[in-house]
Amino acid sequence: WPIIDEAIQCYHGDLEYREMLGCLHAFAQGKI
């Protein structure tokens, strides 16, 4: 989580962030 959180902040305005949200959607439904 700490590096995922850092990446969210680093790439929030970048083009790939849209797809990163898809990864976070799956992560949110996992065994976290």
PDB file of all heavy atoms in Angstrom:
ATOM      1  N   TRP A   1       0.781  -1.227   0.000  1.00  0.00           N
ATOM      2  CA  TRP A   1       0.000   0.000   0.000  1.00  0.00           C
ATOM      3  C   TRP A   1       0.819   1.287   0.000  1.00  0.00           C
ATOM      4  O   TRP A   1       0.489   2.231  -0.740  1.00  0.00           O
ATOM      5  CB  TRP A   1      -0.994  -0.008   1.155  1.00  0.00           C
ATOM      6  CG  TRP A   1      -1.633   1.323   1.389  1.00  0.00           C
ATOM      7  CD1 TRP A   1      -1.572   2.093   2.509  1.00  0.00           C
ATOM      8  CD2 TRP A   1      -2.414   2.087   0.451  1.00  0.00           C
ATOM      9  NE1 TRP A   1      -2.258   3.272   2.338  1.00  0.00           N
ATOM     10  CE2 TRP A   1      -2.786   3.300   1.074  1.00  0.00           C
ATOM     11  CE3 TRP A   1      -2.827   1.862  -0.863  1.00  0.00           C
ATOM     12  CZ2 TRP A   1      -3.551   4.276   0.447  1.00  0.00           C
ATOM     13  CZ3 TRP A   1      -3.587   2.842  -1.507  1.00  0.00           C
ATOM     14  CH2 TRP A   1      -3.942   4.025  -0.851  1.00  0.00           C
ATOM     15  N   PRO A   2       1.897   1.426   0.774  1.00  0.00           N
ATOM     16  CA  PRO A   2       2.625   2.701   0.744  1.00  0.00           C
ATOM     17  C   PRO A   2       3.105   3.107  -0.644  1.00  0.00           C
ATOM     18  O   PRO A   2       3.043   4.294  -0.998  1.00  0.00           O
ATOM     19  CB  PRO A   2       3.802   2.454   1.704  1.00  0.00           C
ATOM     20  CG  PRO A   2       3.284   1.414   2.650  1.00  0.00           C
ATOM     21  CD  PRO A   2       2.433   0.514   1.806  1.00  0.00           C
ATOM     22  N   ILE A   3       3.569   2.149  -1.452  1.00  0.00           N
ATOM     23  CA  ILE A   3       4.048   2.542  -2.785  1.00  0.00           C
ATOM     24  C   ILE A   3       2.884   2.711  -3.760  1.00  0.00           C
ATOM     25  O   ILE A   3       2.981   3.504  -4.704  1.00  0.00           O
ATOM     26  CB  ILE A   3       5.121   1.581  -3.342  1.00  0.00           C
ATOM     27  CG1 ILE A   3       4.599   0.159  -3.475  1.00  0.00           C
ATOM     28  CG2 ILE A   3       6.366   1.626  -2.484  1.00  0.00           C
ATOM     29  CD1 ILE A   3       5.580  -0.753  -4.214  1.00  0.00           C
ATOM     30  N   ILE A   4       1.783   1.996  -3.555  1.00  0.00           N
ATOM     31  CA  ILE A   4       0.593   2.243  -4.371  1.00  0.00           C
ATOM     32  C   ILE A   4       0.084   3.656  -4.096  1.00  0.00           C
ATOM     33  O   ILE A   4      -0.259   4.403  -5.013  1.00  0.00           O
ATOM     34  CB  ILE A   4      -0.494   1.196  -4.079  1.00  0.00           C
ATOM     35  CG1 ILE A   4      -0.093  -0.171  -4.650  1.00  0.00           C
ATOM     36  CG2 ILE A   4      -1.837   1.625  -4.674  1.00  0.00           C
ATOM     37  CD1 ILE A   4      -1.091  -1.274  -4.368  1.00  0.00           C
ATOM     38  N   ASP A   5       0.045   4.028  -2.823  1.00  0.00           N
ATOM     39  CA  ASP A   5      -0.416   5.357  -2.446  1.00  0.00           C
ATOM     40  C   ASP A   5       0.491   6.433  -3.042  1.00  0.00           C
ATOM     41  O   ASP A   5       0.019   7.468  -3.543  1.00  0.00           O
ATOM     42  CB  ASP A   5      -0.451   5.466  -0.924  1.00  0.00           C
ATOM     43  CG  ASP A   5      -1.068   6.773  -0.439  1.00  0.00           C
ATOM     44  OD1 ASP A   5      -2.087   7.196  -1.009  1.00  0.00           O
ATOM     45  OD2 ASP A   5      -0.533   7.367   0.508  1.00  0.00           O
ATOM     46  N   GLU A   6       1.789   6.204  -3.008  1.00  0.00           N
ATOM     47  CA  GLU A   6       2.730   7.160  -3.592  1.00  0.00           C
ATOM     48  C   GLU A   6       2.511   7.288  -5.092  1.00  0.00           C
ATOM     49  O   GLU A   6       2.546   8.395  -5.655  1.00  0.00           O
ATOM     50  CB  GLU A   6       4.168   6.729  -3.304  1.00  0.00           C
ATOM     51  CG  GLU A   6       5.214   7.719  -3.777  1.00  0.00           C
ATOM     52  CD  GLU A   6       6.626   7.307  -3.428  1.00  0.00           C
ATOM     53  OE1 GLU A   6       6.811   6.312  -2.700  1.00  0.00           O
ATOM     54  OE2 GLU A   6       7.565   7.992  -3.900  1.00  0.00           O
ATOM     55  N   ALA A   7       2.259   6.145  -5.748  1.00  0.00           N
ATOM     56  CA  ALA A   7       2.029   6.168  -7.194  1.00  0.00           C
ATOM     57  C   ALA A   7       0.752   6.917  -7.547  1.00  0.00           C
ATOM     58  O   ALA A   7       0.704   7.644  -8.548  1.00  0.00           O
ATOM     59  CB  ALA A   7       1.969   4.739  -7.730  1.00  0.00           C
ATOM     60  N   ILE A   8      -0.293   6.751  -6.733  1.00  0.00           N
ATOM     61  CA  ILE A   8      -1.540   7.482  -6.967  1.00  0.00           C
ATOM     62  C   ILE A   8      -1.257   8.982  -6.985  1.00  0.00           C
ATOM     63  O   ILE A   8      -1.754   9.719  -7.848  1.00  0.00           O
ATOM     64  CB  ILE A   8      -2.576   7.148  -5.882  1.00  0.00           C
ATOM     65  CG1 ILE A   8      -3.044   5.693  -6.009  1.00  0.00           C
ATOM     66  CG2 ILE A   8      -3.781   8.096  -5.970  1.00  0.00           C
ATOM     67  CD1 ILE A   8      -3.901   5.222  -4.844  1.00  0.00           C
ATOM     68  N   GLN A   9      -0.459   9.431  -6.041  1.00  0.00           N
ATOM     69  CA  GLN A   9      -0.149  10.853  -5.960  1.00  0.00           C
ATOM     70  C   GLN A   9       0.768  11.310  -7.101  1.00  0.00           C
ATOM     71  O   GLN A   9       0.602  12.395  -7.648  1.00  0.00           O
ATOM     72  CB  GLN A   9       0.500  11.154  -4.611  1.00  0.00           C
ATOM     73  CG  GLN A   9      -0.423  10.878  -3.424  1.00  0.00           C
ATOM     74  CD  GLN A   9       0.316  11.006  -2.101  1.00  0.00           C
ATOM     75  OE1 GLN A   9       0.623  12.108  -1.652  1.00  0.00           O
ATOM     76  NE2 GLN A   9       0.614   9.877  -1.471  1.00  0.00           N
ATOM     77  N   CYS A  10       1.715  10.459  -7.472  1.00  0.00           N
ATOM     78  CA  CYS A  10       2.665  10.822  -8.523  1.00  0.00           C
ATOM     79  C   CYS A  10       2.010  10.911  -9.896  1.00  0.00           C
ATOM     80  O   CYS A  10       2.332  11.788 -10.696  1.00  0.00           O
ATOM     81  CB  CYS A  10       3.796   9.794  -8.583  1.00  0.00           C
ATOM     82  SG  CYS A  10       4.988   9.883  -7.236  1.00  0.00           S
ATOM     83  N   TYR A  11       1.093   9.983 -10.186  1.00  0.00           N
ATOM     84  CA  TYR A  11       0.581   9.839 -11.543  1.00  0.00           C
ATOM     85  C   TYR A  11      -0.876  10.261 -11.696  1.00  0.00           C
ATOM     86  O   TYR A  11      -1.496   9.989 -12.725  1.00  0.00           O
ATOM     87  CB  TYR A  11       0.764   8.387 -12.012  1.00  0.00           C
ATOM     88  CG  TYR A  11       2.180   7.896 -11.838  1.00  0.00           C
ATOM     89  CD1 TYR A  11       2.462   6.716 -11.152  1.00  0.00           C
ATOM     90  CD2 TYR A  11       3.259   8.635 -12.338  1.00  0.00           C
ATOM     91  CE1 TYR A  11       3.768   6.283 -10.972  1.00  0.00           C
ATOM     92  CE2 TYR A  11       4.566   8.213 -12.163  1.00  0.00           C
ATOM     93  CZ  TYR A  11       4.819   7.030 -11.481  1.00  0.00           C
ATOM     94  OH  TYR A  11       6.107   6.609 -11.303  1.00  0.00           O
ATOM     95  N   HIS A  12      -1.396  10.947 -10.704  1.00  0.00           N
ATOM     96  CA  HIS A  12      -2.806  11.323 -10.701  1.00  0.00           C
ATOM     97  C   HIS A  12      -3.217  12.074 -11.966  1.00  0.00           C
ATOM     98  O   HIS A  12      -4.310  11.856 -12.496  1.00  0.00           O
ATOM     99  CB  HIS A  12      -3.109  12.169  -9.460  1.00  0.00           C
ATOM    100  CG  HIS A  12      -4.541  12.570  -9.336  1.00  0.00           C
ATOM    101  ND1 HIS A  12      -5.037  13.740  -9.877  1.00  0.00           N
ATOM    102  CD2 HIS A  12      -5.592  11.952  -8.752  1.00  0.00           C
ATOM    103  CE1 HIS A  12      -6.328  13.826  -9.616  1.00  0.00           C
ATOM    104  NE2 HIS A  12      -6.697  12.762  -8.936  1.00  0.00           N
ATOM    105  N   GLY A  13      -2.371  12.918 -12.473  1.00  0.00           N
ATOM    106  CA  GLY A  13      -2.727  13.704 -13.647  1.00  0.00           C
ATOM    107  C   GLY A  13      -2.253  13.117 -14.962  1.00  0.00           C
ATOM    108  O   GLY A  13      -2.465  13.712 -16.024  1.00  0.00           O
ATOM    109  N   ASP A  14      -1.635  11.942 -14.931  1.00  0.00           N
ATOM    110  CA  ASP A  14      -1.078  11.347 -16.141  1.00  0.00           C
ATOM    111  C   ASP A  14      -2.118  10.504 -16.882  1.00  0.00           C
ATOM    112  O   ASP A  14      -3.128  10.082 -16.312  1.00  0.00           O
ATOM    113  CB  ASP A  14       0.131  10.470 -15.790  1.00  0.00           C
ATOM    114  CG  ASP A  14       1.308  11.289 -15.274  1.00  0.00           C
ATOM    115  OD1 ASP A  14       1.196  12.526 -15.274  1.00  0.00           O
ATOM    116  OD2 ASP A  14       2.318  10.690 -14.874  1.00  0.00           O
ATOM    117  N   LEU A  15      -1.836  10.214 -18.144  1.00  0.00           N
ATOM    118  CA  LEU A  15      -2.780   9.471 -18.965  1.00  0.00           C
ATOM    119  C   LEU A  15      -3.046   8.072 -18.428  1.00  0.00           C
ATOM    120  O   LEU A  15      -4.163   7.560 -18.506  1.00  0.00           O
ATOM    121  CB  LEU A  15      -2.254   9.381 -20.408  1.00  0.00           C
ATOM    122  CG  LEU A  15      -2.222  10.700 -21.196  1.00  0.00           C
ATOM    123  CD1 LEU A  15      -1.580  10.473 -22.553  1.00  0.00           C
ATOM    124  CD2 LEU A  15      -3.632  11.263 -21.355  1.00  0.00           C
ATOM    125  N   GLU A  16      -2.009   7.432 -17.866  1.00  0.00           N
ATOM    126  CA  GLU A  16      -2.193   6.054 -17.395  1.00  0.00           C
ATOM    127  C   GLU A  16      -3.022   5.961 -16.119  1.00  0.00           C
ATOM    128  O   GLU A  16      -3.426   4.862 -15.717  1.00  0.00           O
ATOM    129  CB  GLU A  16      -0.843   5.356 -17.188  1.00  0.00           C
ATOM    130  CG  GLU A  16       0.012   5.898 -16.073  1.00  0.00           C
ATOM    131  CD  GLU A  16       1.064   6.869 -16.543  1.00  0.00           C
ATOM    132  OE1 GLU A  16       0.785   7.625 -17.518  1.00  0.00           O
ATOM    133  OE2 GLU A  16       2.158   6.892 -15.955  1.00  0.00           O
ATOM    134  N   TYR A  17      -3.289   7.100 -15.475  1.00  0.00           N
ATOM    135  CA  TYR A  17      -4.037   7.045 -14.213  1.00  0.00           C
ATOM    136  C   TYR A  17      -5.440   6.490 -14.405  1.00  0.00           C
ATOM    137  O   TYR A  17      -5.981   5.836 -13.518  1.00  0.00           O
ATOM    138  CB  TYR A  17      -4.106   8.422 -13.558  1.00  0.00           C
ATOM    139  CG  TYR A  17      -4.744   8.376 -12.183  1.00  0.00           C
ATOM    140  CD1 TYR A  17      -4.083   7.757 -11.122  1.00  0.00           C
ATOM    141  CD2 TYR A  17      -6.006   8.915 -11.952  1.00  0.00           C
ATOM    142  CE1 TYR A  17      -4.668   7.679  -9.863  1.00  0.00           C
ATOM    143  CE2 TYR A  17      -6.589   8.848 -10.699  1.00  0.00           C
ATOM    144  CZ  TYR A  17      -5.921   8.227  -9.663  1.00  0.00           C
ATOM    145  OH  TYR A  17      -6.493   8.144  -8.416  1.00  0.00           O
ATOM    146  N   ARG A  18      -6.026   6.720 -15.550  1.00  0.00           N
ATOM    147  CA  ARG A  18      -7.358   6.167 -15.845  1.00  0.00           C
ATOM    148  C   ARG A  18      -7.351   4.646 -15.700  1.00  0.00           C
ATOM    149  O   ARG A  18      -8.249   4.062 -15.094  1.00  0.00           O
ATOM    150  CB  ARG A  18      -7.775   6.574 -17.258  1.00  0.00           C
ATOM    151  CG  ARG A  18      -9.168   6.104 -17.674  1.00  0.00           C
ATOM    152  CD  ARG A  18      -9.408   6.452 -19.142  1.00  0.00           C
ATOM    153  NE  ARG A  18     -10.714   6.036 -19.585  1.00  0.00           N
ATOM    154  CZ  ARG A  18     -11.776   6.827 -19.646  1.00  0.00           C
ATOM    155  NH1 ARG A  18     -11.669   8.096 -19.292  1.00  0.00           N
ATOM    156  NH2 ARG A  18     -12.944   6.370 -20.078  1.00  0.00           N
ATOM    157  N   GLU A  19      -6.310   4.009 -16.254  1.00  0.00           N
ATOM    158  CA  GLU A  19      -6.217   2.548 -16.147  1.00  0.00           C
ATOM    159  C   GLU A  19      -5.792   2.129 -14.745  1.00  0.00           C
ATOM    160  O   GLU A  19      -6.146   1.038 -14.279  1.00  0.00           O
ATOM    161  CB  GLU A  19      -5.252   2.015 -17.202  1.00  0.00           C
ATOM    162  CG  GLU A  19      -5.769   2.195 -18.621  1.00  0.00           C
ATOM    163  CD  GLU A  19      -4.907   1.490 -19.640  1.00  0.00           C
ATOM    164  OE1 GLU A  19      -4.661   0.287 -19.484  1.00  0.00           O
ATOM    165  OE2 GLU A  19      -4.466   2.157 -20.596  1.00  0.00           O
ATOM    166  N   MET A  20      -5.043   2.958 -14.071  1.00  0.00           N
ATOM    167  CA  MET A  20      -4.678   2.658 -12.690  1.00  0.00           C
ATOM    168  C   MET A  20      -5.921   2.578 -11.806  1.00  0.00           C
ATOM    169  O   MET A  20      -5.981   1.767 -10.874  1.00  0.00           O
ATOM    170  CB  MET A  20      -3.705   3.707 -12.166  1.00  0.00           C
ATOM    171  CG  MET A  20      -2.297   3.578 -12.719  1.00  0.00           C
ATOM    172  SD  MET A  20      -1.182   4.852 -12.063  1.00  0.00           S
ATOM    173  CE  MET A  20       0.398   4.257 -12.697  1.00  0.00           C
ATOM    174  N   LEU A  21      -6.910   3.405 -12.100  1.00  0.00           N
ATOM    175  CA  LEU A  21      -8.157   3.334 -11.335  1.00  0.00           C
ATOM    176  C   LEU A  21      -8.823   1.970 -11.501  1.00  0.00           C
ATOM    177  O   LEU A  21      -9.439   1.453 -10.562  1.00  0.00           O
ATOM    178  CB  LEU A  21      -9.114   4.442 -11.779  1.00  0.00           C
ATOM    179  CG  LEU A  21      -8.844   5.837 -11.217  1.00  0.00           C
ATOM    180  CD1 LEU A  21      -9.754   6.855 -11.899  1.00  0.00           C
ATOM    181  CD2 LEU A  21      -9.053   5.868  -9.707  1.00  0.00           C
ATOM    182  N   GLY A  22      -8.710   1.374 -12.683  1.00  0.00           N
ATOM    183  CA  GLY A  22      -9.239   0.035 -12.877  1.00  0.00           C
ATOM    184  C   GLY A  22      -8.534  -0.982 -11.987  1.00  0.00           C
ATOM    185  O   GLY A  22      -9.170  -1.885 -11.430  1.00  0.00           O
ATOM    186  N   CYS A  23      -7.225  -0.829 -11.834  1.00  0.00           N
ATOM    187  CA  CYS A  23      -6.462  -1.703 -10.941  1.00  0.00           C
ATOM    188  C   CYS A  23      -6.892  -1.496  -9.489  1.00  0.00           C
ATOM    189  O   CYS A  23      -7.018  -2.465  -8.721  1.00  0.00           O
ATOM    190  CB  CYS A  23      -4.971  -1.429 -11.088  1.00  0.00           C
ATOM    191  SG  CYS A  23      -4.304  -1.638 -12.750  1.00  0.00           S
ATOM    192  N   LEU A  24      -7.120  -0.243  -9.116  1.00  0.00           N
ATOM    193  CA  LEU A  24      -7.550   0.050  -7.749  1.00  0.00           C
ATOM    194  C   LEU A  24      -8.944  -0.499  -7.474  1.00  0.00           C
ATOM    195  O   LEU A  24      -9.252  -0.901  -6.347  1.00  0.00           O
ATOM    196  CB  LEU A  24      -7.524   1.566  -7.511  1.00  0.00           C
ATOM    197  CG  LEU A  24      -6.139   2.203  -7.451  1.00  0.00           C
ATOM    198  CD1 LEU A  24      -6.261   3.716  -7.365  1.00  0.00           C
ATOM    199  CD2 LEU A  24      -5.335   1.668  -6.268  1.00  0.00           C
ATOM    200  N   HIS A  25      -9.783  -0.533  -8.488  1.00  0.00           N
ATOM    201  CA  HIS A  25     -11.129  -1.098  -8.332  1.00  0.00           C
ATOM    202  C   HIS A  25     -11.028  -2.570  -7.952  1.00  0.00           C
ATOM    203  O   HIS A  25     -11.728  -3.049  -7.045  1.00  0.00           O
ATOM    204  CB  HIS A  25     -11.913  -0.922  -9.637  1.00  0.00           C
ATOM    205  CG  HIS A  25     -13.329  -1.362  -9.563  1.00  0.00           C
ATOM    206  ND1 HIS A  25     -13.717  -2.661  -9.827  1.00  0.00           N
ATOM    207  CD2 HIS A  25     -14.476  -0.690  -9.238  1.00  0.00           C
ATOM    208  CE1 HIS A  25     -15.030  -2.764  -9.694  1.00  0.00           C
ATOM    209  NE2 HIS A  25     -15.513  -1.586  -9.333  1.00  0.00           N
ATOM    210  N   ALA A  26     -10.148  -3.301  -8.637  1.00  0.00           N
ATOM    211  CA  ALA A  26      -9.952  -4.715  -8.311  1.00  0.00           C
ATOM    212  C   ALA A  26      -9.284  -4.877  -6.948  1.00  0.00           C
ATOM    213  O   ALA A  26      -9.645  -5.760  -6.165  1.00  0.00           O
ATOM    214  CB  ALA A  26      -9.114  -5.387  -9.401  1.00  0.00           C
ATOM    215  N   PHE A  27      -8.315  -4.028  -6.659  1.00  0.00           N
ATOM    216  CA  PHE A  27      -7.619  -4.063  -5.368  1.00  0.00           C
ATOM    217  C   PHE A  27      -8.613  -3.857  -4.225  1.00  0.00           C
ATOM    218  O   PHE A  27      -8.550  -4.549  -3.204  1.00  0.00           O
ATOM    219  CB  PHE A  27      -6.549  -2.973  -5.351  1.00  0.00           C
ATOM    220  CG  PHE A  27      -5.736  -2.882  -4.091  1.00  0.00           C
ATOM    221  CD1 PHE A  27      -4.775  -3.842  -3.793  1.00  0.00           C
ATOM    222  CD2 PHE A  27      -5.904  -1.816  -3.217  1.00  0.00           C
ATOM    223  CE1 PHE A  27      -4.005  -3.749  -2.631  1.00  0.00           C
ATOM    224  CE2 PHE A  27      -5.139  -1.712  -2.057  1.00  0.00           C
ATOM    225  CZ  PHE A  27      -4.190  -2.681  -1.772  1.00  0.00           C
ATOM    226  N   ALA A  28      -9.534  -2.922  -4.382  1.00  0.00           N
ATOM    227  CA  ALA A  28     -10.514  -2.606  -3.336  1.00  0.00           C
ATOM    228  C   ALA A  28     -11.428  -3.775  -3.021  1.00  0.00           C
ATOM    229  O   ALA A  28     -11.997  -3.856  -1.925  1.00  0.00           O
ATOM    230  CB  ALA A  28     -11.347  -1.395  -3.760  1.00  0.00           C
ATOM    231  N   GLN A  29     -11.564  -4.705  -3.970  1.00  0.00           N
ATOM    232  CA  GLN A  29     -12.431  -5.863  -3.766  1.00  0.00           C
ATOM    233  C   GLN A  29     -11.661  -7.099  -3.316  1.00  0.00           C
ATOM    234  O   GLN A  29     -12.241  -8.169  -3.138  1.00  0.00           O
ATOM    235  CB  GLN A  29     -13.185  -6.167  -5.061  1.00  0.00           C
ATOM    236  CG  GLN A  29     -14.095  -5.029  -5.489  1.00  0.00           C
ATOM    237  CD  GLN A  29     -14.788  -5.310  -6.808  1.00  0.00           C
ATOM    238  OE1 GLN A  29     -15.807  -5.987  -6.871  1.00  0.00           O
ATOM    239  NE2 GLN A  29     -14.214  -4.794  -7.888  1.00  0.00           N
ATOM    240  N   GLY A  30     -10.335  -6.941  -3.134  1.00  0.00           N
ATOM    241  CA  GLY A  30      -9.507  -8.066  -2.731  1.00  0.00           C
ATOM    242  C   GLY A  30      -9.446  -8.246  -1.229  1.00  0.00           C
ATOM    243  O   GLY A  30     -10.179  -7.604  -0.464  1.00  0.00           O
ATOM    244  N   LYS A  31      -8.531  -9.102  -0.794  1.00  0.00           N
ATOM    245  CA  LYS A  31      -8.377  -9.421   0.628  1.00  0.00           C
ATOM    246  C   LYS A  31      -7.420  -8.423   1.281  1.00  0.00           C
ATOM    247  O   LYS A  31      -6.327  -8.776   1.723  1.00  0.00           O
ATOM    248  CB  LYS A  31      -7.856 -10.848   0.775  1.00  0.00           C
ATOM    249  CG  LYS A  31      -8.789 -11.908   0.177  1.00  0.00           C
ATOM    250  CD  LYS A  31      -8.161 -13.289   0.241  1.00  0.00           C
ATOM    251  CE  LYS A  31      -9.062 -14.323  -0.410  1.00  0.00           C
ATOM    252  NZ  LYS A  31      -8.432 -15.681  -0.413  1.00  0.00           N
ATOM    253  N   ILE A  32      -7.867  -7.181   1.342  1.00  0.00           N
ATOM    254  CA  ILE A  32      -7.001  -6.125   1.858  1.00  0.00           C
ATOM    255  C   ILE A  32      -7.312  -5.823   3.319  1.00  0.00           C
ATOM    256  O   ILE A  32      -8.413  -6.083   3.802  1.00  0.00           O
ATOM    257  CB  ILE A  32      -7.105  -4.848   1.013  1.00  0.00           C
ATOM    258  CG1 ILE A  32      -8.526  -4.270   1.045  1.00  0.00           C
ATOM    259  CG2 ILE A  32      -6.695  -5.133  -0.431  1.00  0.00           C
ATOM    260  CD1 ILE A  32      -8.651  -2.938   0.314  1.00  0.00           C
TER     261      ILE A  32
END
